[in-house]
């Protein structure tokens, strides 16, 4: 996985992870794909509020980063499914503690 260097960005592990999963929807796409391969339309239905344009762009970026695999089946009409790569599954595992923290503290009221 190649991480583009941004001027002034700290080149640590967290910065590299944020380059791959940055954006409002990418983490949600990861969690949906955790349950198994999905077609584009199914992903769009399961991720409430995401636009077709944004989903397509995120899937292209995630495929380029090696965390999502795009499988095109030789059928008429063509069928395309998206799934996690081993790298994507590993990223989901890394996000699990963050998800647990969010679930624990989401109802917390600001002081």
N, C-alpha and C. Protein backbone atom coordinates (compact mmCIF):
# COMPACT_ATOMS: atom_id res chain seq x y z
N UNK A 1 0.85 -1.17 0.00
CA UNK A 1 0.00 0.00 0.00
C UNK A 1 0.89 1.23 0.00
N UNK A 2 0.80 2.02 -1.01
CA UNK A 2 1.57 3.25 -1.09
C UNK A 2 0.74 4.40 -0.53
N UNK A 3 1.35 5.17 0.33
CA UNK A 3 0.66 6.31 0.92
C UNK A 3 1.28 7.58 0.37
N UNK A 4 0.46 8.40 -0.22
CA UNK A 4 0.95 9.67 -0.76
C UNK A 4 1.34 10.59 0.38
N UNK A 5 2.47 11.23 0.23
CA UNK A 5 2.92 12.17 1.26
C UNK A 5 2.32 13.54 1.00
N UNK A 6 1.73 14.08 2.05
CA UNK A 6 1.19 15.43 1.97
C UNK A 6 2.17 16.36 2.65
N UNK A 7 2.31 17.56 2.15
CA UNK A 7 3.21 18.52 2.80
C UNK A 7 2.80 18.75 4.24
N UNK A 8 3.72 18.61 5.16
CA UNK A 8 3.46 18.88 6.57
C UNK A 8 2.76 17.76 7.31
N UNK A 9 2.42 16.67 6.65
CA UNK A 9 1.71 15.58 7.32
C UNK A 9 2.69 14.71 8.10
N UNK A 10 2.28 14.31 9.27
CA UNK A 10 3.09 13.39 10.07
C UNK A 10 3.02 12.02 9.41
N UNK A 11 4.15 11.45 9.10
CA UNK A 11 4.17 10.16 8.41
C UNK A 11 4.28 9.04 9.44
N UNK A 12 3.24 8.86 10.22
CA UNK A 12 3.19 7.79 11.20
C UNK A 12 2.14 6.77 10.75
N UNK A 13 2.01 5.70 11.50
CA UNK A 13 1.04 4.68 11.16
C UNK A 13 -0.39 5.19 11.11
N UNK A 14 -0.74 6.06 12.03
CA UNK A 14 -2.11 6.60 12.06
C UNK A 14 -2.38 7.43 10.81
N UNK A 15 -1.39 8.21 10.39
CA UNK A 15 -1.56 9.01 9.18
C UNK A 15 -1.77 8.10 7.97
N UNK A 16 -1.01 7.01 7.90
CA UNK A 16 -1.16 6.07 6.79
C UNK A 16 -2.56 5.45 6.80
N UNK A 17 -3.06 5.09 7.98
CA UNK A 17 -4.40 4.51 8.09
C UNK A 17 -5.47 5.51 7.69
N UNK A 18 -5.31 6.75 8.10
CA UNK A 18 -6.31 7.76 7.77
C UNK A 18 -6.32 8.07 6.27
N UNK A 19 -5.18 7.94 5.61
CA UNK A 19 -5.14 8.12 4.17
C UNK A 19 -6.03 7.09 3.47
N UNK A 20 -6.05 5.87 4.00
CA UNK A 20 -6.82 4.79 3.39
C UNK A 20 -8.29 4.85 3.77
N UNK A 21 -8.60 5.17 5.01
CA UNK A 21 -9.99 5.10 5.46
C UNK A 21 -10.62 6.47 5.65
N UNK A 22 -9.92 7.53 5.27
CA UNK A 22 -10.48 8.86 5.42
C UNK A 22 -11.73 9.05 4.56
N UNK A 23 -12.57 9.94 4.97
CA UNK A 23 -13.83 10.16 4.25
C UNK A 23 -14.98 9.67 5.11
N UNK A 24 -16.09 10.30 4.96
CA UNK A 24 -17.26 10.01 5.80
C UNK A 24 -17.76 8.58 5.66
N UNK A 25 -17.66 7.99 4.47
CA UNK A 25 -18.35 6.74 4.20
C UNK A 25 -17.48 5.50 4.15
N UNK A 26 -16.17 5.64 4.01
CA UNK A 26 -15.32 4.47 3.79
C UNK A 26 -15.39 3.46 4.92
N UNK A 27 -15.41 3.91 6.14
CA UNK A 27 -15.48 2.99 7.28
C UNK A 27 -16.80 2.23 7.26
N UNK A 28 -17.87 2.90 6.87
CA UNK A 28 -19.17 2.24 6.80
C UNK A 28 -19.17 1.19 5.68
N UNK A 29 -18.56 1.51 4.55
CA UNK A 29 -18.44 0.53 3.47
C UNK A 29 -17.67 -0.70 3.98
N UNK A 30 -16.60 -0.47 4.72
CA UNK A 30 -15.82 -1.58 5.29
C UNK A 30 -16.69 -2.47 6.17
N UNK A 31 -17.48 -1.85 7.04
CA UNK A 31 -18.31 -2.63 7.96
C UNK A 31 -19.39 -3.41 7.21
N UNK A 32 -19.97 -2.82 6.18
CA UNK A 32 -20.99 -3.54 5.41
C UNK A 32 -20.36 -4.73 4.69
N UNK A 33 -19.20 -4.54 4.11
CA UNK A 33 -18.54 -5.63 3.38
C UNK A 33 -18.02 -6.73 4.30
N UNK A 34 -17.94 -6.45 5.59
CA UNK A 34 -17.51 -7.46 6.56
C UNK A 34 -18.46 -8.66 6.53
N UNK A 35 -19.73 -8.43 6.23
CA UNK A 35 -20.71 -9.51 6.22
C UNK A 35 -20.66 -10.35 4.94
N UNK A 36 -19.85 -9.94 3.97
CA UNK A 36 -19.69 -10.71 2.74
C UNK A 36 -19.79 -9.85 1.51
N UNK A 37 -19.55 -10.44 0.34
CA UNK A 37 -19.58 -9.69 -0.92
C UNK A 37 -20.94 -9.04 -1.17
N UNK A 38 -20.90 -7.86 -1.79
CA UNK A 38 -22.12 -7.11 -2.11
C UNK A 38 -22.01 -6.53 -3.50
N UNK A 39 -23.14 -6.44 -4.14
CA UNK A 39 -23.21 -5.72 -5.41
C UNK A 39 -23.38 -4.24 -5.09
N UNK A 40 -23.12 -3.40 -6.08
CA UNK A 40 -23.17 -1.95 -5.91
C UNK A 40 -24.52 -1.49 -5.37
N UNK A 41 -25.60 -1.96 -5.99
CA UNK A 41 -26.94 -1.55 -5.56
C UNK A 41 -27.25 -1.95 -4.14
N UNK A 42 -26.80 -3.12 -3.75
CA UNK A 42 -27.02 -3.58 -2.37
C UNK A 42 -26.25 -2.70 -1.39
N UNK A 43 -25.01 -2.36 -1.73
CA UNK A 43 -24.24 -1.45 -0.87
C UNK A 43 -24.96 -0.12 -0.72
N UNK A 44 -25.45 0.40 -1.83
CA UNK A 44 -26.14 1.70 -1.79
C UNK A 44 -27.39 1.64 -0.91
N UNK A 45 -28.13 0.54 -0.98
CA UNK A 45 -29.33 0.40 -0.15
C UNK A 45 -28.97 0.26 1.33
N UNK A 46 -27.89 -0.43 1.61
CA UNK A 46 -27.52 -0.69 3.00
C UNK A 46 -26.83 0.49 3.68
N UNK A 47 -26.32 1.44 2.88
CA UNK A 47 -25.65 2.62 3.44
C UNK A 47 -26.55 3.82 3.20
N UNK A 48 -27.41 4.07 4.15
CA UNK A 48 -28.40 5.12 4.02
C UNK A 48 -27.74 6.49 3.93
N UNK A 49 -28.10 7.25 2.89
CA UNK A 49 -27.61 8.61 2.75
C UNK A 49 -26.45 8.78 1.78
N UNK A 50 -25.81 7.71 1.37
CA UNK A 50 -24.68 7.84 0.45
C UNK A 50 -25.20 7.99 -0.98
N UNK A 51 -24.55 8.84 -1.75
CA UNK A 51 -24.96 9.01 -3.14
C UNK A 51 -24.23 7.99 -4.01
N UNK A 52 -24.79 7.75 -5.17
CA UNK A 52 -24.19 6.81 -6.11
C UNK A 52 -22.78 7.27 -6.51
N UNK A 53 -22.64 8.56 -6.75
CA UNK A 53 -21.35 9.13 -7.16
C UNK A 53 -20.29 8.94 -6.07
N UNK A 54 -20.64 9.23 -4.85
CA UNK A 54 -19.69 9.10 -3.74
C UNK A 54 -19.33 7.63 -3.51
N UNK A 55 -20.32 6.75 -3.53
CA UNK A 55 -20.04 5.33 -3.34
C UNK A 55 -19.10 4.81 -4.43
N UNK A 56 -19.36 5.18 -5.67
CA UNK A 56 -18.50 4.74 -6.77
C UNK A 56 -17.08 5.25 -6.58
N UNK A 57 -16.94 6.50 -6.20
CA UNK A 57 -15.60 7.08 -5.99
C UNK A 57 -14.88 6.39 -4.84
N UNK A 58 -15.58 6.16 -3.73
CA UNK A 58 -14.96 5.49 -2.58
C UNK A 58 -14.54 4.06 -2.94
N UNK A 59 -15.40 3.35 -3.65
CA UNK A 59 -15.05 1.98 -4.03
C UNK A 59 -13.81 1.95 -4.93
N UNK A 60 -13.72 2.90 -5.86
CA UNK A 60 -12.53 2.98 -6.73
C UNK A 60 -11.27 3.25 -5.89
N UNK A 61 -11.36 4.19 -4.95
CA UNK A 61 -10.22 4.52 -4.10
C UNK A 61 -9.84 3.33 -3.22
N UNK A 62 -10.83 2.66 -2.66
CA UNK A 62 -10.57 1.53 -1.78
C UNK A 62 -9.97 0.36 -2.56
N UNK A 63 -10.40 0.20 -3.80
CA UNK A 63 -9.82 -0.84 -4.65
C UNK A 63 -8.36 -0.49 -4.96
N UNK A 64 -8.09 0.77 -5.27
CA UNK A 64 -6.72 1.21 -5.56
C UNK A 64 -5.81 1.05 -4.34
N UNK A 65 -6.38 1.21 -3.15
CA UNK A 65 -5.61 1.05 -1.90
C UNK A 65 -5.45 -0.40 -1.49
N UNK A 66 -6.12 -1.30 -2.21
CA UNK A 66 -5.98 -2.73 -1.92
C UNK A 66 -6.81 -3.25 -0.77
N UNK A 67 -7.85 -2.51 -0.37
CA UNK A 67 -8.69 -2.99 0.74
C UNK A 67 -10.03 -3.55 0.27
N UNK A 68 -10.39 -3.29 -0.99
CA UNK A 68 -11.61 -3.82 -1.57
C UNK A 68 -11.26 -4.50 -2.89
N UNK A 69 -11.89 -5.64 -3.13
CA UNK A 69 -11.71 -6.37 -4.38
C UNK A 69 -12.99 -6.24 -5.21
N UNK A 70 -12.82 -5.96 -6.49
CA UNK A 70 -13.96 -5.83 -7.42
C UNK A 70 -13.91 -7.03 -8.35
N UNK A 71 -14.96 -7.84 -8.30
CA UNK A 71 -15.05 -9.04 -9.13
C UNK A 71 -16.12 -8.83 -10.19
N UNK A 72 -15.73 -8.93 -11.46
CA UNK A 72 -16.66 -8.79 -12.57
C UNK A 72 -16.92 -10.18 -13.13
N UNK A 73 -18.18 -10.58 -13.14
CA UNK A 73 -18.56 -11.90 -13.65
C UNK A 73 -18.96 -11.77 -15.11
N UNK A 74 -18.53 -12.73 -15.92
CA UNK A 74 -18.81 -12.73 -17.36
C UNK A 74 -20.22 -13.26 -17.60
N UNK A 75 -21.19 -12.40 -17.35
CA UNK A 75 -22.61 -12.74 -17.51
C UNK A 75 -23.29 -11.61 -18.27
N UNK A 76 -24.48 -11.89 -18.73
CA UNK A 76 -25.30 -10.86 -19.37
C UNK A 76 -26.59 -10.74 -18.59
N UNK A 77 -26.88 -9.59 -17.98
CA UNK A 77 -26.01 -8.41 -17.87
C UNK A 77 -24.83 -8.69 -16.92
N UNK A 78 -23.75 -7.91 -17.05
CA UNK A 78 -22.59 -8.14 -16.20
C UNK A 78 -22.94 -7.98 -14.72
N UNK A 79 -22.35 -8.82 -13.91
CA UNK A 79 -22.55 -8.76 -12.46
C UNK A 79 -21.22 -8.39 -11.83
N UNK A 80 -21.24 -7.41 -10.94
CA UNK A 80 -20.03 -6.96 -10.26
C UNK A 80 -20.28 -7.05 -8.75
N UNK A 81 -19.34 -7.67 -8.06
CA UNK A 81 -19.43 -7.77 -6.60
C UNK A 81 -18.18 -7.18 -5.98
N UNK A 82 -18.37 -6.58 -4.83
CA UNK A 82 -17.27 -6.01 -4.06
C UNK A 82 -17.12 -6.81 -2.78
N UNK A 83 -15.87 -7.04 -2.40
CA UNK A 83 -15.59 -7.77 -1.17
C UNK A 83 -14.32 -7.21 -0.55
N UNK A 84 -14.09 -7.58 0.70
CA UNK A 84 -12.87 -7.15 1.37
C UNK A 84 -11.70 -8.03 0.95
N UNK A 85 -10.56 -7.43 0.80
CA UNK A 85 -9.33 -8.17 0.61
C UNK A 85 -8.84 -8.55 2.01
N UNK A 86 -7.82 -9.40 2.12
CA UNK A 86 -7.25 -9.68 3.45
C UNK A 86 -6.80 -8.40 4.15
N UNK A 87 -6.28 -7.44 3.40
CA UNK A 87 -5.87 -6.17 3.98
C UNK A 87 -7.07 -5.39 4.52
N UNK A 88 -8.18 -5.43 3.79
CA UNK A 88 -9.40 -4.77 4.24
C UNK A 88 -9.97 -5.43 5.49
N UNK A 89 -9.93 -6.76 5.54
CA UNK A 89 -10.41 -7.48 6.73
C UNK A 89 -9.54 -7.14 7.94
N UNK A 90 -8.23 -7.00 7.70
CA UNK A 90 -7.31 -6.63 8.78
C UNK A 90 -7.61 -5.22 9.28
N UNK A 91 -7.93 -4.31 8.36
CA UNK A 91 -8.30 -2.95 8.75
C UNK A 91 -9.57 -2.96 9.57
N UNK A 92 -10.55 -3.77 9.18
CA UNK A 92 -11.79 -3.88 9.97
C UNK A 92 -11.49 -4.37 11.39
N UNK A 93 -10.60 -5.34 11.51
CA UNK A 93 -10.22 -5.83 12.84
C UNK A 93 -9.60 -4.72 13.67
N UNK A 94 -8.78 -3.89 13.03
CA UNK A 94 -8.15 -2.78 13.73
C UNK A 94 -9.18 -1.73 14.17
N UNK A 95 -10.26 -1.60 13.41
CA UNK A 95 -11.30 -0.62 13.73
C UNK A 95 -12.27 -1.10 14.81
N UNK A 96 -12.29 -2.39 15.10
CA UNK A 96 -13.23 -2.94 16.08
C UNK A 96 -13.13 -2.28 17.45
N UNK A 97 -11.93 -2.06 18.01
CA UNK A 97 -11.87 -1.38 19.31
C UNK A 97 -12.39 0.05 19.25
N UNK A 98 -12.17 0.73 18.14
CA UNK A 98 -12.70 2.09 17.99
C UNK A 98 -14.22 2.07 17.96
N UNK A 99 -14.78 1.07 17.30
CA UNK A 99 -16.23 0.92 17.27
C UNK A 99 -16.78 0.65 18.66
N UNK A 100 -16.10 -0.20 19.41
CA UNK A 100 -16.53 -0.51 20.78
C UNK A 100 -16.49 0.74 21.65
N UNK A 101 -15.45 1.54 21.48
CA UNK A 101 -15.35 2.78 22.24
C UNK A 101 -16.51 3.72 21.88
N UNK A 102 -16.80 3.85 20.58
CA UNK A 102 -17.90 4.71 20.15
C UNK A 102 -19.24 4.25 20.69
N UNK A 103 -19.47 2.93 20.68
CA UNK A 103 -20.73 2.39 21.21
C UNK A 103 -20.85 2.68 22.70
N UNK A 104 -19.75 2.58 23.40
CA UNK A 104 -19.76 2.81 24.85
C UNK A 104 -20.03 4.27 25.20
N UNK A 105 -19.53 5.18 24.38
CA UNK A 105 -19.59 6.60 24.73
C UNK A 105 -20.55 7.43 23.89
N UNK A 106 -21.30 6.82 22.98
CA UNK A 106 -22.15 7.63 22.10
C UNK A 106 -23.29 8.32 22.82
N UNK A 107 -23.75 7.78 23.91
CA UNK A 107 -24.87 8.38 24.64
C UNK A 107 -24.40 9.42 25.66
N UNK A 108 -23.12 9.58 25.78
CA UNK A 108 -22.54 10.49 26.74
C UNK A 108 -22.88 11.93 26.38
N UNK A 109 -23.34 12.69 27.34
CA UNK A 109 -23.67 14.09 27.13
C UNK A 109 -22.45 14.95 27.41
N UNK A 110 -22.22 15.99 26.61
CA UNK A 110 -21.09 16.88 26.89
C UNK A 110 -21.27 17.60 28.22
N UNK A 111 -20.17 17.84 28.88
CA UNK A 111 -20.20 18.49 30.22
C UNK A 111 -20.56 19.93 30.12
